[in-house]
Amino acid sequence: MSNIEQTLSIIKPDAVERNLDEKIKSIFVKEGFKIVKEKKIKLEKIDAEKFYKVHETKPFYYDLCEYLSSGPIVAMVLEKENAVSSNRQIMGATDPKNANEGTIRKQYGISIDKNSVHGSDSIENAKKEINFFFKD
C-alpha cells in the first residue's frame, strides 16, 4: 500500500530574495515531489506569529516571526510517498553548517535563521500548516 502524504514547504525570504525559488522547486520535482499548490505571498508579522505559535515559548520565536515576515515567501503543498520525512531529508539540518552535502540548506542556507526553507515536521503539523496557507 502506498503512503502518499502532503507536506508544507516554504521557500523563505532569504532564498526568494536571491531568486532561488525555481532552483529549489526543481530539486523537489527531481526528488519525485508533486507541487500540488503554491503561492508567493508576503506575510504580515501577526500571521507569522500565528504560523510559528508552536515555538512561542522558545527564545528565537520573535526573530523567527520577524524574519518570516521580512520579505516574500513561496508556500507550497508537496505530495509524494512519505512526503514529510522525504522533505526533511532533502532540506537537511536546521543549521546549514551541520546539513549533509547535497541538501537544500547545505547548498543555499546562509545561517541557522536564514536557512532558505521550512518543512512540516509531522503529518499532524503538515495538515495544520497546509490549512494555514491554503484554506479551501
C-alpha atoms as a PDB file:
ATOM      1  CA  MET A   1       0.000   0.000   0.000  1.00  0.00           C
ATOM      2  CA  SER A   2       1.408   3.376  -0.912  1.00  0.00           C
ATOM      3  CA  ASN A   3       1.705   6.052   1.697  1.00  0.00           C
ATOM      4  CA  ILE A   4       1.040   9.264  -0.246  1.00  0.00           C
ATOM      5  CA  GLU A   5       1.292  12.262   2.053  1.00  0.00           C
ATOM      6  CA  GLN A   6       1.231  16.011   1.720  1.00  0.00           C
ATOM      7  CA  THR A   7       3.594  18.372   3.475  1.00  0.00           C
ATOM      8  CA  LEU A   8       4.042  22.116   3.577  1.00  0.00           C
ATOM      9  CA  SER A   9       7.221  23.634   2.245  1.00  0.00           C
ATOM     10  CA  ILE A  10       8.129  27.296   2.449  1.00  0.00           C
ATOM     11  CA  ILE A  11      10.883  28.916   0.467  1.00  0.00           C
ATOM     12  CA  LYS A  12      11.930  31.566   2.967  1.00  0.00           C
ATOM     13  CA  PRO A  13      12.698  35.271   2.346  1.00  0.00           C
ATOM     14  CA  ASP A  14      16.482  34.828   2.061  1.00  0.00           C
ATOM     15  CA  ALA A  15      16.076  32.315  -0.786  1.00  0.00           C
ATOM     16  CA  VAL A  16      13.325  34.272  -2.587  1.00  0.00           C
ATOM     17  CA  GLU A  17      15.463  37.409  -2.326  1.00  0.00           C
ATOM     18  CA  ARG A  18      18.310  35.544  -4.060  1.00  0.00           C
ATOM     19  CA  ASN A  19      15.931  34.266  -6.771  1.00  0.00           C
ATOM     20  CA  LEU A  20      16.388  30.639  -5.751  1.00  0.00           C
ATOM     21  CA  ASP A  21      12.685  29.683  -5.827  1.00  0.00           C
ATOM     22  CA  GLU A  22      12.809  27.946  -9.231  1.00  0.00           C
ATOM     23  CA  LYS A  23      16.060  26.124  -8.350  1.00  0.00           C
ATOM     24  CA  ILE A  24      14.598  24.886  -5.071  1.00  0.00           C
ATOM     25  CA  LYS A  25      11.302  23.868  -6.705  1.00  0.00           C
ATOM     26  CA  SER A  26      13.205  21.906  -9.338  1.00  0.00           C
ATOM     27  CA  ILE A  27      15.023  19.979  -6.566  1.00  0.00           C
ATOM     28  CA  PHE A  28      11.671  18.886  -5.129  1.00  0.00           C
ATOM     29  CA  VAL A  29      10.376  17.856  -8.555  1.00  0.00           C
ATOM     30  CA  LYS A  30      13.596  15.970  -9.304  1.00  0.00           C
ATOM     31  CA  GLU A  31      13.153  14.136  -5.981  1.00  0.00           C
ATOM     32  CA  GLY A  32       9.702  12.952  -7.082  1.00  0.00           C
ATOM     33  CA  PHE A  33       7.501  15.500  -5.333  1.00  0.00           C
ATOM     34  CA  LYS A  34       4.419  16.845  -6.999  1.00  0.00           C
ATOM     35  CA  ILE A  35       3.837  20.551  -6.244  1.00  0.00           C
ATOM     36  CA  VAL A  36       0.086  20.439  -5.694  1.00  0.00           C
ATOM     37  CA  LYS A  37      -0.418  24.091  -4.752  1.00  0.00           C
ATOM     38  CA  GLU A  38       1.838  27.098  -4.468  1.00  0.00           C
ATOM     39  CA  LYS A  39       1.650  30.815  -3.887  1.00  0.00           C
ATOM     40  CA  LYS A  40       4.044  33.655  -3.377  1.00  0.00           C
ATOM     41  CA  ILE A  41       2.981  35.939  -0.559  1.00  0.00           C
ATOM     42  CA  LYS A  42       4.306  38.416   1.948  1.00  0.00           C
ATOM     43  CA  LEU A  43       3.164  37.569   5.461  1.00  0.00           C
ATOM     44  CA  GLU A  44       2.281  40.228   7.969  1.00  0.00           C
ATOM     45  CA  LYS A  45       4.143  39.815  11.268  1.00  0.00           C
ATOM     46  CA  ILE A  46       0.909  38.859  13.034  1.00  0.00           C
ATOM     47  CA  ASP A  47       0.410  35.982  10.570  1.00  0.00           C
ATOM     48  CA  ALA A  48       3.990  34.798  11.040  1.00  0.00           C
ATOM     49  CA  GLU A  49       3.337  34.813  14.794  1.00  0.00           C
ATOM     50  CA  LYS A  50       0.229  32.655  14.290  1.00  0.00           C
ATOM     51  CA  PHE A  51       2.112  30.313  11.973  1.00  0.00           C
ATOM     52  CA  TYR A  52       5.015  29.803  14.403  1.00  0.00           C
ATOM     53  CA  LYS A  53       2.777  29.720  17.512  1.00  0.00           C
ATOM     54  CA  VAL A  54       4.191  26.253  18.405  1.00  0.00           C
ATOM     55  CA  HIS A  55       7.551  27.966  19.045  1.00  0.00           C
ATOM     56  CA  GLU A  56       6.060  30.811  21.101  1.00  0.00           C
ATOM     57  CA  THR A  57       7.942  29.869  24.285  1.00  0.00           C
ATOM     58  CA  LYS A  58      11.320  29.494  22.578  1.00  0.00           C
ATOM     59  CA  PRO A  59      13.931  32.266  22.691  1.00  0.00           C
ATOM     60  CA  PHE A  60      14.161  32.532  18.894  1.00  0.00           C
ATOM     61  CA  TYR A  61      10.386  32.966  18.381  1.00  0.00           C
ATOM     62  CA  TYR A  62      10.307  36.734  17.778  1.00  0.00           C
ATOM     63  CA  ASP A  63      13.326  36.732  15.475  1.00  0.00           C
ATOM     64  CA  LEU A  64      11.764  33.883  13.535  1.00  0.00           C
ATOM     65  CA  CYS A  65       8.486  35.785  13.089  1.00  0.00           C
ATOM     66  CA  GLU A  66      10.315  38.976  12.198  1.00  0.00           C
ATOM     67  CA  TYR A  67      12.336  37.106   9.588  1.00  0.00           C
ATOM     68  CA  LEU A  68       9.461  35.138   8.017  1.00  0.00           C
ATOM     69  CA  SER A  69       7.555  38.384   7.524  1.00  0.00           C
ATOM     70  CA  SER A  70      10.603  40.309   6.229  1.00  0.00           C
ATOM     71  CA  GLY A  71      10.012  39.587   2.543  1.00  0.00           C
ATOM     72  CA  PRO A  72       8.063  37.444   0.086  1.00  0.00           C
ATOM     73  CA  ILE A  73       7.918  33.688   0.621  1.00  0.00           C
ATOM     74  CA  VAL A  74       6.727  30.830  -1.556  1.00  0.00           C
ATOM     75  CA  ALA A  75       4.367  28.436   0.241  1.00  0.00           C
ATOM     76  CA  MET A  76       3.867  25.059  -1.417  1.00  0.00           C
ATOM     77  CA  VAL A  77       1.989  21.845  -0.810  1.00  0.00           C
ATOM     78  CA  LEU A  78       4.256  18.963  -1.778  1.00  0.00           C
ATOM     79  CA  GLU A  79       2.901  15.482  -2.360  1.00  0.00           C
ATOM     80  CA  LYS A  80       4.694  12.156  -2.524  1.00  0.00           C
ATOM     81  CA  GLU A  81       5.038   8.878  -0.696  1.00  0.00           C
ATOM     82  CA  ASN A  82       6.297   9.649   2.838  1.00  0.00           C
ATOM     83  CA  ALA A  83       6.382  13.351   1.938  1.00  0.00           C
ATOM     84  CA  VAL A  84       7.060  14.658   5.453  1.00  0.00           C
ATOM     85  CA  SER A  85      10.209  12.618   6.114  1.00  0.00           C
ATOM     86  CA  SER A  86      11.382  12.866   2.479  1.00  0.00           C
ATOM     87  CA  ASN A  87      11.123  16.642   2.561  1.00  0.00           C
ATOM     88  CA  ARG A  88      13.038  16.831   5.849  1.00  0.00           C
ATOM     89  CA  GLN A  89      15.849  14.724   4.384  1.00  0.00           C
ATOM     90  CA  ILE A  90      16.066  16.881   1.267  1.00  0.00           C
ATOM     91  CA  MET A  91      16.076  20.106   3.322  1.00  0.00           C
ATOM     92  CA  GLY A  92      18.861  18.968   5.644  1.00  0.00           C
ATOM     93  CA  ALA A  93      19.631  20.008   9.218  1.00  0.00           C
ATOM     94  CA  THR A  94      18.281  23.333  10.506  1.00  0.00           C
ATOM     95  CA  ASP A  95      21.804  24.714  10.732  1.00  0.00           C
ATOM     96  CA  PRO A  96      23.328  24.673   7.226  1.00  0.00           C
ATOM     97  CA  LYS A  97      26.782  24.063   8.774  1.00  0.00           C
ATOM     98  CA  ASN A  98      25.507  20.694  10.047  1.00  0.00           C
ATOM     99  CA  ALA A  99      23.462  19.791   6.971  1.00  0.00           C
ATOM    100  CA  ASN A 100      24.531  16.920   4.738  1.00  0.00           C
ATOM    101  CA  GLU A 101      26.126  17.616   1.359  1.00  0.00           C
ATOM    102  CA  GLY A 102      23.566  17.986  -1.411  1.00  0.00           C
ATOM    103  CA  THR A 103      20.735  19.122   0.865  1.00  0.00           C
ATOM    104  CA  ILE A 104      18.934  22.406   0.168  1.00  0.00           C
ATOM    105  CA  ARG A 105      20.150  24.031   3.377  1.00  0.00           C
ATOM    106  CA  LYS A 106      23.763  22.956   2.754  1.00  0.00           C
ATOM    107  CA  GLN A 107      23.645  24.435  -0.757  1.00  0.00           C
ATOM    108  CA  TYR A 108      21.657  27.609  -0.113  1.00  0.00           C
ATOM    109  CA  GLY A 109      21.279  28.222   3.626  1.00  0.00           C
ATOM    110  CA  ILE A 110      23.117  31.267   4.996  1.00  0.00           C
ATOM    111  CA  SER A 111      22.705  30.652   8.718  1.00  0.00           C
ATOM    112  CA  ILE A 112      20.599  28.764  11.237  1.00  0.00           C
ATOM    113  CA  ASP A 113      17.966  31.525  10.890  1.00  0.00           C
ATOM    114  CA  LYS A 114      18.288  32.157   7.176  1.00  0.00           C
ATOM    115  CA  ASN A 115      18.241  28.530   6.156  1.00  0.00           C
ATOM    116  CA  SER A 116      16.205  29.019   2.949  1.00  0.00           C
ATOM    117  CA  VAL A 117      13.400  26.505   3.537  1.00  0.00           C
ATOM    118  CA  HIS A 118      10.801  25.352   6.050  1.00  0.00           C
ATOM    119  CA  GLY A 119       9.134  21.951   6.052  1.00  0.00           C
ATOM    120  CA  SER A 120       6.476  20.422   8.267  1.00  0.00           C
ATOM    121  CA  ASP A 121       7.904  18.152  10.973  1.00  0.00           C
ATOM    122  CA  SER A 122       4.962  15.742  11.255  1.00  0.00           C
ATOM    123  CA  ILE A 123       1.859  14.670   9.361  1.00  0.00           C
ATOM    124  CA  GLU A 124      -0.287  16.354  12.002  1.00  0.00           C
ATOM    125  CA  ASN A 125       1.595  19.672  11.658  1.00  0.00           C
ATOM    126  CA  ALA A 126       1.611  19.357   7.864  1.00  0.00           C
ATOM    127  CA  LYS A 127      -2.207  19.339   7.894  1.00  0.00           C
ATOM    128  CA  LYS A 128      -2.318  22.416  10.151  1.00  0.00           C
ATOM    129  CA  GLU A 129       0.334  24.274   8.160  1.00  0.00           C
ATOM    130  CA  ILE A 130      -1.242  23.485   4.782  1.00  0.00           C
ATOM    131  CA  ASN A 131      -4.569  24.690   6.126  1.00  0.00           C
ATOM    132  CA  PHE A 132      -2.902  27.885   7.389  1.00  0.00           C
ATOM    133  CA  PHE A 133      -1.801  28.877   3.872  1.00  0.00           C
ATOM    134  CA  PHE A 134      -4.369  27.124   1.698  1.00  0.00           C
ATOM    135  CA  LYS A 135      -7.759  27.295   3.394  1.00  0.00           C
ATOM    136  CA  ASP A 136     -10.227  25.909   0.883  1.00  0.00           C
END
